[in-house]
């Protein structure tokens, strides 16, 4: 009987781990709903998995994610997850300083997916529960940053797919004008931008996060159009946004090294397990 209980507990543990691994990030209550388990059971499982190093909770959002250590069990660890781990501490620091909300977005098929956000803690945000949302690539600053600064080959492939899906007969258009002109201005500014369209009350700036010759994600700052013009936003926040992205890029090689070490089961220099949690820092 005791053995049956142990096996059932093990099954539940793997079920929870699998649910977390399949999602961008989940709260304990959401895991319980998907797994159809009582909340106390879910919390006990999460505490055990966290103690073993397989999952970690982002203290700023309450979301649970797999860690680098989970890569040793399967190939389910997604590249986006270690980008999040490198980016979140810098997002919290910048968000605390500027107060405007920030989104970390990655390209997926024909859209940009919000991987992490400070919306829940920004006093200037009217949007919450943003993580996991798919956003249109053409009408978001993050999408335009990605298109403007990715390689010519990848850009051509994405645009061809968009033209096919939209049945476009002429140049691709955005709410801020022809896409070619928008991308040209993005390159001049050094960041992606959105002045119109999508959410009419806001505008945004977005900086590409590079690792080697690839864009891994984009960091987007969202502000109210009524508070400032695009030129004022660029003047006031572009350099801070790019500086934060620079700090994230500086951390990525170490995270990649740890990921490869986990794949090969080789300890990195000075390694104990790296904490992937972020202390909760109020933005206001």
C-alpha atoms as a PDB file:
ATOM      1  CA  UNK A   1       0.000   0.000   0.000  1.00  0.00           C
ATOM      2  CA  UNK A   2       2.806   2.375   0.918  1.00  0.00           C
ATOM      3  CA  UNK A   3       4.537   1.497  -2.345  1.00  0.00           C
ATOM      4  CA  UNK A   4       1.358   2.332  -4.292  1.00  0.00           C
ATOM      5  CA  UNK A   5       1.190   5.712  -2.543  1.00  0.00           C
ATOM      6  CA  UNK A   6       4.827   6.404  -3.433  1.00  0.00           C
ATOM      7  CA  UNK A   7       4.210   5.517  -7.088  1.00  0.00           C
ATOM      8  CA  UNK A   8       1.118   7.732  -7.204  1.00  0.00           C
ATOM      9  CA  UNK A   9       3.090  10.619  -5.692  1.00  0.00           C
ATOM     10  CA  UNK A  10       5.827  10.092  -8.272  1.00  0.00           C
ATOM     11  CA  UNK A  11       3.268  10.101 -11.088  1.00  0.00           C
ATOM     12  CA  UNK A  12       1.764  13.340  -9.808  1.00  0.00           C
ATOM     13  CA  UNK A  13       5.209  14.912  -9.564  1.00  0.00           C
ATOM     14  CA  UNK A  14       6.040  14.086 -13.160  1.00  0.00           C
ATOM     15  CA  UNK A  15       2.599  15.267 -14.236  1.00  0.00           C
ATOM     16  CA  UNK A  16       3.155  18.671 -12.639  1.00  0.00           C
ATOM     17  CA  UNK A  17       6.663  18.906 -14.104  1.00  0.00           C
ATOM     18  CA  UNK A  18       5.316  18.073 -17.560  1.00  0.00           C
ATOM     19  CA  UNK A  19       2.555  20.692 -17.283  1.00  0.00           C
ATOM     20  CA  UNK A  20       5.041  23.401 -16.308  1.00  0.00           C
ATOM     21  CA  UNK A  21       7.420  22.327 -19.079  1.00  0.00           C
ATOM     22  CA  UNK A  22       4.705  22.648 -21.730  1.00  0.00           C
ATOM     23  CA  UNK A  23       3.764  26.206 -20.777  1.00  0.00           C
ATOM     24  CA  UNK A  24       5.608  29.524 -20.774  1.00  0.00           C
ATOM     25  CA  UNK A  25       4.893  29.936 -17.054  1.00  0.00           C
ATOM     26  CA  UNK A  26       2.079  28.977 -14.693  1.00  0.00           C
ATOM     27  CA  UNK A  27       0.823  29.879 -11.248  1.00  0.00           C
ATOM     28  CA  UNK A  28       0.127  27.131  -8.728  1.00  0.00           C
ATOM     29  CA  UNK A  29      -3.641  27.552  -9.049  1.00  0.00           C
ATOM     30  CA  UNK A  30      -3.411  27.144 -12.833  1.00  0.00           C
ATOM     31  CA  UNK A  31      -1.326  23.990 -12.431  1.00  0.00           C
ATOM     32  CA  UNK A  32      -3.928  22.606 -10.065  1.00  0.00           C
ATOM     33  CA  UNK A  33      -6.726  23.279 -12.539  1.00  0.00           C
ATOM     34  CA  UNK A  34      -4.881  21.587 -15.412  1.00  0.00           C
ATOM     35  CA  UNK A  35      -3.755  18.630 -13.289  1.00  0.00           C
ATOM     36  CA  UNK A  36      -7.097  18.418 -11.441  1.00  0.00           C
ATOM     37  CA  UNK A  37      -5.267  18.288  -8.131  1.00  0.00           C
ATOM     38  CA  UNK A  38      -6.078  20.030  -4.840  1.00  0.00           C
ATOM     39  CA  UNK A  39      -4.006  23.155  -4.290  1.00  0.00           C
ATOM     40  CA  UNK A  40      -2.240  21.805  -1.152  1.00  0.00           C
ATOM     41  CA  UNK A  41      -1.082  18.796  -3.183  1.00  0.00           C
ATOM     42  CA  UNK A  42       0.227  21.041  -5.947  1.00  0.00           C
ATOM     43  CA  UNK A  43       2.139  23.185  -3.454  1.00  0.00           C
ATOM     44  CA  UNK A  44       3.758  20.121  -1.848  1.00  0.00           C
ATOM     45  CA  UNK A  45       4.837  18.848  -5.272  1.00  0.00           C
ATOM     46  CA  UNK A  46       6.167  22.257  -6.319  1.00  0.00           C
ATOM     47  CA  UNK A  47       8.157  22.590  -3.092  1.00  0.00           C
ATOM     48  CA  UNK A  48       9.703  19.159  -3.677  1.00  0.00           C
ATOM     49  CA  UNK A  49      10.535  19.877  -7.328  1.00  0.00           C
ATOM     50  CA  UNK A  50      12.025  23.237  -6.327  1.00  0.00           C
ATOM     51  CA  UNK A  51      14.125  21.575  -3.616  1.00  0.00           C
ATOM     52  CA  UNK A  52      15.421  19.127  -6.247  1.00  0.00           C
ATOM     53  CA  UNK A  53      16.234  22.014  -8.578  1.00  0.00           C
ATOM     54  CA  UNK A  54      13.837  21.089 -11.381  1.00  0.00           C
ATOM     55  CA  UNK A  55      11.516  24.102 -11.118  1.00  0.00           C
ATOM     56  CA  UNK A  56      11.787  27.643  -9.811  1.00  0.00           C
ATOM     57  CA  UNK A  57       9.259  30.321  -9.002  1.00  0.00           C
ATOM     58  CA  UNK A  58       9.709  33.842 -10.292  1.00  0.00           C
ATOM     59  CA  UNK A  59       8.930  35.811  -7.147  1.00  0.00           C
ATOM     60  CA  UNK A  60       7.981  38.914  -9.149  1.00  0.00           C
ATOM     61  CA  UNK A  61       5.155  37.209 -11.073  1.00  0.00           C
ATOM     62  CA  UNK A  62       4.434  34.057  -9.074  1.00  0.00           C
ATOM     63  CA  UNK A  63       4.947  31.920 -12.178  1.00  0.00           C
ATOM     64  CA  UNK A  64       6.616  28.503 -12.020  1.00  0.00           C
ATOM     65  CA  UNK A  65       9.039  27.438 -14.766  1.00  0.00           C
ATOM     66  CA  UNK A  66      11.459  24.608 -15.434  1.00  0.00           C
ATOM     67  CA  UNK A  67      15.106  25.315 -14.650  1.00  0.00           C
ATOM     68  CA  UNK A  68      18.354  24.471 -16.375  1.00  0.00           C
ATOM     69  CA  UNK A  69      18.595  21.369 -14.200  1.00  0.00           C
ATOM     70  CA  UNK A  70      15.408  19.991 -15.771  1.00  0.00           C
ATOM     71  CA  UNK A  71      17.332  19.783 -19.051  1.00  0.00           C
ATOM     72  CA  UNK A  72      19.122  16.793 -17.563  1.00  0.00           C
ATOM     73  CA  UNK A  73      15.811  14.880 -17.614  1.00  0.00           C
ATOM     74  CA  UNK A  74      14.648  15.659 -21.121  1.00  0.00           C
ATOM     75  CA  UNK A  75      15.030  17.967 -24.089  1.00  0.00           C
ATOM     76  CA  UNK A  76      12.021  19.968 -22.979  1.00  0.00           C
ATOM     77  CA  UNK A  77      13.968  22.958 -21.732  1.00  0.00           C
ATOM     78  CA  UNK A  78      13.290  25.723 -24.232  1.00  0.00           C
ATOM     79  CA  UNK A  79      15.819  28.304 -25.266  1.00  0.00           C
ATOM     80  CA  UNK A  80      13.325  31.023 -24.365  1.00  0.00           C
ATOM     81  CA  UNK A  81      13.437  29.934 -20.725  1.00  0.00           C
ATOM     82  CA  UNK A  82      17.097  30.708 -20.205  1.00  0.00           C
ATOM     83  CA  UNK A  83      16.652  34.034 -21.996  1.00  0.00           C
ATOM     84  CA  UNK A  84      13.955  34.823 -19.437  1.00  0.00           C
ATOM     85  CA  UNK A  85      16.278  33.886 -16.588  1.00  0.00           C
ATOM     86  CA  UNK A  86      18.941  36.265 -17.885  1.00  0.00           C
ATOM     87  CA  UNK A  87      16.499  39.083 -18.646  1.00  0.00           C
ATOM     88  CA  UNK A  88      14.146  39.224 -15.667  1.00  0.00           C
ATOM     89  CA  UNK A  89      16.578  40.716 -13.087  1.00  0.00           C
ATOM     90  CA  UNK A  90      17.467  43.543 -15.488  1.00  0.00           C
ATOM     91  CA  UNK A  91      13.790  44.082 -16.344  1.00  0.00           C
ATOM     92  CA  UNK A  92      12.990  44.494 -12.657  1.00  0.00           C
ATOM     93  CA  UNK A  93      15.818  47.004 -12.180  1.00  0.00           C
ATOM     94  CA  UNK A  94      14.800  49.073 -15.204  1.00  0.00           C
ATOM     95  CA  UNK A  95      11.087  48.816 -14.393  1.00  0.00           C
ATOM     96  CA  UNK A  96      11.693  50.068 -10.883  1.00  0.00           C
ATOM     97  CA  UNK A  97      13.571  53.057 -12.261  1.00  0.00           C
ATOM     98  CA  UNK A  98      11.287  54.146 -15.103  1.00  0.00           C
ATOM     99  CA  UNK A  99       7.922  52.787 -13.799  1.00  0.00           C
ATOM    100  CA  UNK A 100       6.583  52.138 -17.311  1.00  0.00           C
ATOM    101  CA  UNK A 101       5.782  48.445 -17.962  1.00  0.00           C
ATOM    102  CA  UNK A 102       8.173  46.201 -19.875  1.00  0.00           C
ATOM    103  CA  UNK A 103       7.563  43.056 -21.946  1.00  0.00           C
ATOM    104  CA  UNK A 104      10.122  40.444 -22.977  1.00  0.00           C
ATOM    105  CA  UNK A 105       8.954  39.009 -26.305  1.00  0.00           C
ATOM    106  CA  UNK A 106      10.285  36.264 -28.571  1.00  0.00           C
ATOM    107  CA  UNK A 107       9.464  35.432 -32.176  1.00  0.00           C
ATOM    108  CA  UNK A 108       7.297  32.368 -32.748  1.00  0.00           C
ATOM    109  CA  UNK A 109       6.011  31.506 -36.231  1.00  0.00           C
ATOM    110  CA  UNK A 110       4.212  34.690 -37.334  1.00  0.00           C
ATOM    111  CA  UNK A 111       3.811  36.445 -33.975  1.00  0.00           C
ATOM    112  CA  UNK A 112       5.650  37.742 -30.931  1.00  0.00           C
ATOM    113  CA  UNK A 113       5.020  35.907 -27.661  1.00  0.00           C
ATOM    114  CA  UNK A 114       5.252  37.690 -24.309  1.00  0.00           C
ATOM    115  CA  UNK A 115       7.612  35.576 -22.198  1.00  0.00           C
ATOM    116  CA  UNK A 116       7.817  37.868 -19.172  1.00  0.00           C
ATOM    117  CA  UNK A 117       6.310  41.190 -18.170  1.00  0.00           C
ATOM    118  CA  UNK A 118       6.373  43.809 -15.411  1.00  0.00           C
ATOM    119  CA  UNK A 119       2.795  44.890 -16.135  1.00  0.00           C
ATOM    120  CA  UNK A 120       1.530  43.443 -12.854  1.00  0.00           C
ATOM    121  CA  UNK A 121       3.859  45.722 -10.889  1.00  0.00           C
ATOM    122  CA  UNK A 122       3.897  48.894 -12.953  1.00  0.00           C
ATOM    123  CA  UNK A 123       1.763  51.766 -11.627  1.00  0.00           C
ATOM    124  CA  UNK A 124       1.286  52.917 -15.230  1.00  0.00           C
ATOM    125  CA  UNK A 125      -0.075  49.648 -16.627  1.00  0.00           C
ATOM    126  CA  UNK A 126      -3.730  48.985 -17.402  1.00  0.00           C
ATOM    127  CA  UNK A 127      -2.994  45.519 -18.798  1.00  0.00           C
ATOM    128  CA  UNK A 128      -2.373  42.486 -16.593  1.00  0.00           C
ATOM    129  CA  UNK A 129      -1.922  38.764 -17.149  1.00  0.00           C
ATOM    130  CA  UNK A 130       0.135  39.470 -20.268  1.00  0.00           C
ATOM    131  CA  UNK A 131       2.557  36.519 -20.163  1.00  0.00           C
ATOM    132  CA  UNK A 132       1.825  33.987 -22.897  1.00  0.00           C
ATOM    133  CA  UNK A 133      -0.067  36.342 -25.191  1.00  0.00           C
ATOM    134  CA  UNK A 134       0.694  36.244 -28.910  1.00  0.00           C
ATOM    135  CA  UNK A 135       1.046  39.707 -30.460  1.00  0.00           C
ATOM    136  CA  UNK A 136       0.992  40.707 -34.156  1.00  0.00           C
ATOM    137  CA  UNK A 137       4.502  41.016 -35.516  1.00  0.00           C
ATOM    138  CA  UNK A 138       3.780  43.897 -37.908  1.00  0.00           C
ATOM    139  CA  UNK A 139       1.987  46.157 -35.454  1.00  0.00           C
ATOM    140  CA  UNK A 140       4.156  45.811 -32.354  1.00  0.00           C
ATOM    141  CA  UNK A 141       7.447  47.474 -31.557  1.00  0.00           C
ATOM    142  CA  UNK A 142       8.969  44.094 -30.664  1.00  0.00           C
ATOM    143  CA  UNK A 143       7.932  42.582 -33.986  1.00  0.00           C
ATOM    144  CA  UNK A 144       9.289  45.524 -35.911  1.00  0.00           C
ATOM    145  CA  UNK A 145      12.549  45.424 -33.960  1.00  0.00           C
ATOM    146  CA  UNK A 146      12.908  41.746 -34.781  1.00  0.00           C
ATOM    147  CA  UNK A 147      12.216  42.284 -38.485  1.00  0.00           C
ATOM    148  CA  UNK A 148      14.456  45.340 -38.701  1.00  0.00           C
ATOM    149  CA  UNK A 149      17.540  43.823 -37.097  1.00  0.00           C
ATOM    150  CA  UNK A 150      17.403  40.113 -37.938  1.00  0.00           C
ATOM    151  CA  UNK A 151      19.363  38.658 -40.851  1.00  0.00           C
ATOM    152  CA  UNK A 152      18.246  39.383 -44.413  1.00  0.00           C
ATOM    153  CA  UNK A 153      17.600  35.691 -45.002  1.00  0.00           C
ATOM    154  CA  UNK A 154      15.324  35.251 -42.005  1.00  0.00           C
ATOM    155  CA  UNK A 155      13.522  38.524 -42.691  1.00  0.00           C
ATOM    156  CA  UNK A 156      12.780  37.468 -46.260  1.00  0.00           C
ATOM    157  CA  UNK A 157      11.382  34.136 -45.079  1.00  0.00           C
ATOM    158  CA  UNK A 158       9.133  35.800 -42.499  1.00  0.00           C
ATOM    159  CA  UNK A 159       7.865  38.417 -44.925  1.00  0.00           C
ATOM    160  CA  UNK A 160       7.140  35.829 -47.596  1.00  0.00           C
ATOM    161  CA  UNK A 161       5.089  33.846 -45.086  1.00  0.00           C
ATOM    162  CA  UNK A 162       3.215  36.971 -43.976  1.00  0.00           C
ATOM    163  CA  UNK A 163       2.463  37.953 -47.565  1.00  0.00           C
ATOM    164  CA  UNK A 164       1.138  34.478 -48.294  1.00  0.00           C
ATOM    165  CA  UNK A 165      -1.016  34.369 -45.156  1.00  0.00           C
ATOM    166  CA  UNK A 166      -2.433  37.837 -45.722  1.00  0.00           C
ATOM    167  CA  UNK A 167      -2.829  37.478 -49.467  1.00  0.00           C
ATOM    168  CA  UNK A 168      -1.046  40.798 -49.918  1.00  0.00           C
ATOM    169  CA  UNK A 169      -0.835  42.085 -53.475  1.00  0.00           C
ATOM    170  CA  UNK A 170       1.307  45.095 -52.652  1.00  0.00           C
ATOM    171  CA  UNK A 171       3.751  46.256 -49.964  1.00  0.00           C
ATOM    172  CA  UNK A 172       3.017  45.118 -46.434  1.00  0.00           C
ATOM    173  CA  UNK A 173       1.399  47.928 -44.463  1.00  0.00           C
ATOM    174  CA  UNK A 174       1.373  48.823 -40.774  1.00  0.00           C
ATOM    175  CA  UNK A 175      -0.638  51.375 -38.808  1.00  0.00           C
ATOM    176  CA  UNK A 176       2.470  53.583 -38.977  1.00  0.00           C
ATOM    177  CA  UNK A 177       2.886  53.279 -42.737  1.00  0.00           C
ATOM    178  CA  UNK A 178       4.541  50.920 -45.233  1.00  0.00           C
ATOM    179  CA  UNK A 179       6.617  48.279 -43.478  1.00  0.00           C
ATOM    180  CA  UNK A 180       9.757  49.072 -45.474  1.00  0.00           C
ATOM    181  CA  UNK A 181       9.640  52.700 -44.329  1.00  0.00           C
ATOM    182  CA  UNK A 182       8.924  51.711 -40.739  1.00  0.00           C
ATOM    183  CA  UNK A 183      11.889  49.313 -40.691  1.00  0.00           C
ATOM    184  CA  UNK A 184      14.131  51.978 -42.176  1.00  0.00           C
ATOM    185  CA  UNK A 185      13.213  54.351 -39.376  1.00  0.00           C
ATOM    186  CA  UNK A 186      13.687  51.605 -36.773  1.00  0.00           C
ATOM    187  CA  UNK A 187      17.249  51.127 -37.997  1.00  0.00           C
ATOM    188  CA  UNK A 188      17.849  54.874 -37.851  1.00  0.00           C
ATOM    189  CA  UNK A 189      16.538  54.991 -34.267  1.00  0.00           C
ATOM    190  CA  UNK A 190      18.335  51.801 -33.236  1.00  0.00           C
ATOM    191  CA  UNK A 191      15.099  50.421 -31.753  1.00  0.00           C
ATOM    192  CA  UNK A 192      11.726  49.223 -32.951  1.00  0.00           C
ATOM    193  CA  UNK A 193       8.786  51.533 -32.374  1.00  0.00           C
ATOM    194  CA  UNK A 194       4.996  51.616 -32.475  1.00  0.00           C
ATOM    195  CA  UNK A 195       3.264  54.991 -32.535  1.00  0.00           C
ATOM    196  CA  UNK A 196      -0.169  53.888 -33.783  1.00  0.00           C
ATOM    197  CA  UNK A 197      -2.410  50.863 -34.077  1.00  0.00           C
ATOM    198  CA  UNK A 198      -2.840  47.718 -31.972  1.00  0.00           C
ATOM    199  CA  UNK A 199      -3.642  49.340 -28.590  1.00  0.00           C
ATOM    200  CA  UNK A 200      -4.668  52.864 -29.452  1.00  0.00           C
ATOM    201  CA  UNK A 201      -3.969  54.392 -26.030  1.00  0.00           C
ATOM    202  CA  UNK A 202      -0.340  53.249 -25.861  1.00  0.00           C
ATOM    203  CA  UNK A 203       2.860  53.376 -27.881  1.00  0.00           C
ATOM    204  CA  UNK A 204       6.116  51.491 -27.418  1.00  0.00           C
ATOM    205  CA  UNK A 205       9.838  51.149 -28.039  1.00  0.00           C
ATOM    206  CA  UNK A 206      11.649  47.806 -28.325  1.00  0.00           C
ATOM    207  CA  UNK A 207      15.332  46.807 -28.380  1.00  0.00           C
ATOM    208  CA  UNK A 208      16.620  43.564 -29.879  1.00  0.00           C
ATOM    209  CA  UNK A 209      18.581  41.224 -27.601  1.00  0.00           C
ATOM    210  CA  UNK A 210      21.353  39.537 -29.595  1.00  0.00           C
ATOM    211  CA  UNK A 211      23.420  36.473 -28.862  1.00  0.00           C
ATOM    212  CA  UNK A 212      26.040  35.748 -31.477  1.00  0.00           C
ATOM    213  CA  UNK A 213      24.469  36.380 -34.852  1.00  0.00           C
ATOM    214  CA  UNK A 214      20.891  35.790 -33.687  1.00  0.00           C
ATOM    215  CA  UNK A 215      18.171  37.883 -32.088  1.00  0.00           C
ATOM    216  CA  UNK A 216      17.017  35.907 -29.073  1.00  0.00           C
ATOM    217  CA  UNK A 217      14.277  38.247 -27.828  1.00  0.00           C
ATOM    218  CA  UNK A 218      13.203  41.874 -27.754  1.00  0.00           C
ATOM    219  CA  UNK A 219      12.659  44.068 -24.694  1.00  0.00           C
ATOM    220  CA  UNK A 220       9.691  46.402 -25.109  1.00  0.00           C
ATOM    221  CA  UNK A 221       8.819  49.505 -23.115  1.00  0.00           C
ATOM    222  CA  UNK A 222       5.147  50.544 -23.225  1.00  0.00           C
ATOM    223  CA  UNK A 223       3.970  54.090 -22.469  1.00  0.00           C
ATOM    224  CA  UNK A 224       0.804  56.157 -22.795  1.00  0.00           C
ATOM    225  CA  UNK A 225       0.639  58.220 -25.975  1.00  0.00           C
ATOM    226  CA  UNK A 226      -0.986  60.994 -23.982  1.00  0.00           C
ATOM    227  CA  UNK A 227       2.111  61.240 -21.777  1.00  0.00           C
ATOM    228  CA  UNK A 228       4.703  61.877 -24.481  1.00  0.00           C
ATOM    229  CA  UNK A 229       5.432  61.859 -28.182  1.00  0.00           C
ATOM    230  CA  UNK A 230       7.523  59.218 -29.921  1.00  0.00           C
ATOM    231  CA  UNK A 231      10.463  61.616 -30.235  1.00  0.00           C
ATOM    232  CA  UNK A 232      10.278  62.414 -26.521  1.00  0.00           C
ATOM    233  CA  UNK A 233      10.132  58.711 -25.628  1.00  0.00           C
ATOM    234  CA  UNK A 234      13.183  58.034 -27.787  1.00  0.00           C
ATOM    235  CA  UNK A 235      15.053  60.939 -26.220  1.00  0.00           C
ATOM    236  CA  UNK A 236      14.174  59.908 -22.677  1.00  0.00           C
ATOM    237  CA  UNK A 237      14.243  56.105 -22.738  1.00  0.00           C
ATOM    238  CA  UNK A 238      16.099  54.719 -25.762  1.00  0.00           C
ATOM    239  CA  UNK A 239      19.548  54.805 -24.178  1.00  0.00           C
ATOM    240  CA  UNK A 240      18.298  53.219 -20.943  1.00  0.00           C
ATOM    241  CA  UNK A 241      16.540  50.487 -22.894  1.00  0.00           C
ATOM    242  CA  UNK A 242      19.642  49.757 -24.968  1.00  0.00           C
ATOM    243  CA  UNK A 243      21.836  49.811 -21.864  1.00  0.00           C
ATOM    244  CA  UNK A 244      19.590  47.251 -20.152  1.00  0.00           C
ATOM    245  CA  UNK A 245      19.677  45.059 -23.246  1.00  0.00           C
ATOM    246  CA  UNK A 246      23.463  45.310 -23.193  1.00  0.00           C
ATOM    247  CA  UNK A 247      23.507  43.975 -19.624  1.00  0.00           C
ATOM    248  CA  UNK A 248      21.256  41.081 -20.609  1.00  0.00           C
ATOM    249  CA  UNK A 249      23.454  40.256 -23.608  1.00  0.00           C
ATOM    250  CA  UNK A 250      26.502  40.265 -21.339  1.00  0.00           C
ATOM    251  CA  UNK A 251      24.899  37.548 -19.199  1.00  0.00           C
ATOM    252  CA  UNK A 252      23.792  35.257 -22.032  1.00  0.00           C
ATOM    253  CA  UNK A 253      27.143  33.490 -22.668  1.00  0.00           C
ATOM    254  CA  UNK A 254      27.261  32.334 -19.037  1.00  0.00           C
ATOM    255  CA  UNK A 255      23.712  31.010 -19.204  1.00  0.00           C
ATOM    256  CA  UNK A 256      24.525  29.212 -22.458  1.00  0.00           C
ATOM    257  CA  UNK A 257      27.630  27.724 -20.863  1.00  0.00           C
ATOM    258  CA  UNK A 258      25.558  26.418 -17.969  1.00  0.00           C
ATOM    259  CA  UNK A 259      22.982  24.976 -20.354  1.00  0.00           C
ATOM    260  CA  UNK A 260      25.692  23.110 -22.276  1.00  0.00           C
ATOM    261  CA  UNK A 261      27.223  21.929 -19.022  1.00  0.00           C
ATOM    262  CA  UNK A 262      23.865  20.515 -17.946  1.00  0.00           C
ATOM    263  CA  UNK A 263      23.590  18.750 -21.330  1.00  0.00           C
ATOM    264  CA  UNK A 264      27.035  17.219 -20.812  1.00  0.00           C
ATOM    265  CA  UNK A 265      26.624  16.856 -17.023  1.00  0.00           C
ATOM    266  CA  UNK A 266      29.777  18.929 -16.505  1.00  0.00           C
ATOM    267  CA  UNK A 267      29.962  21.372 -13.552  1.00  0.00           C
ATOM    268  CA  UNK A 268      30.844  24.953 -14.473  1.00  0.00           C
ATOM    269  CA  UNK A 269      33.490  26.923 -12.633  1.00  0.00           C
ATOM    270  CA  UNK A 270      32.379  27.830  -9.140  1.00  0.00           C
ATOM    271  CA  UNK A 271      29.081  26.078  -9.708  1.00  0.00           C
ATOM    272  CA  UNK A 272      26.491  25.155  -7.241  1.00  0.00           C
ATOM    273  CA  UNK A 273      23.086  25.447  -8.738  1.00  0.00           C
ATOM    274  CA  UNK A 274      22.336  28.960  -9.955  1.00  0.00           C
ATOM    275  CA  UNK A 275      19.249  30.445  -8.375  1.00  0.00           C
ATOM    276  CA  UNK A 276      16.726  31.258 -11.057  1.00  0.00           C
ATOM    277  CA  UNK A 277      14.351  33.120  -8.772  1.00  0.00           C
ATOM    278  CA  UNK A 278      14.126  36.893  -8.696  1.00  0.00           C
ATOM    279  CA  UNK A 279      13.519  38.770  -5.445  1.00  0.00           C
ATOM    280  CA  UNK A 280      10.253  40.646  -5.427  1.00  0.00           C
ATOM    281  CA  UNK A 281      11.068  44.335  -5.881  1.00  0.00           C
ATOM    282  CA  UNK A 282       8.152  46.771  -5.844  1.00  0.00           C
ATOM    283  CA  UNK A 283       8.268  49.081  -8.850  1.00  0.00           C
ATOM    284  CA  UNK A 284       6.476  51.918  -7.109  1.00  0.00           C
END
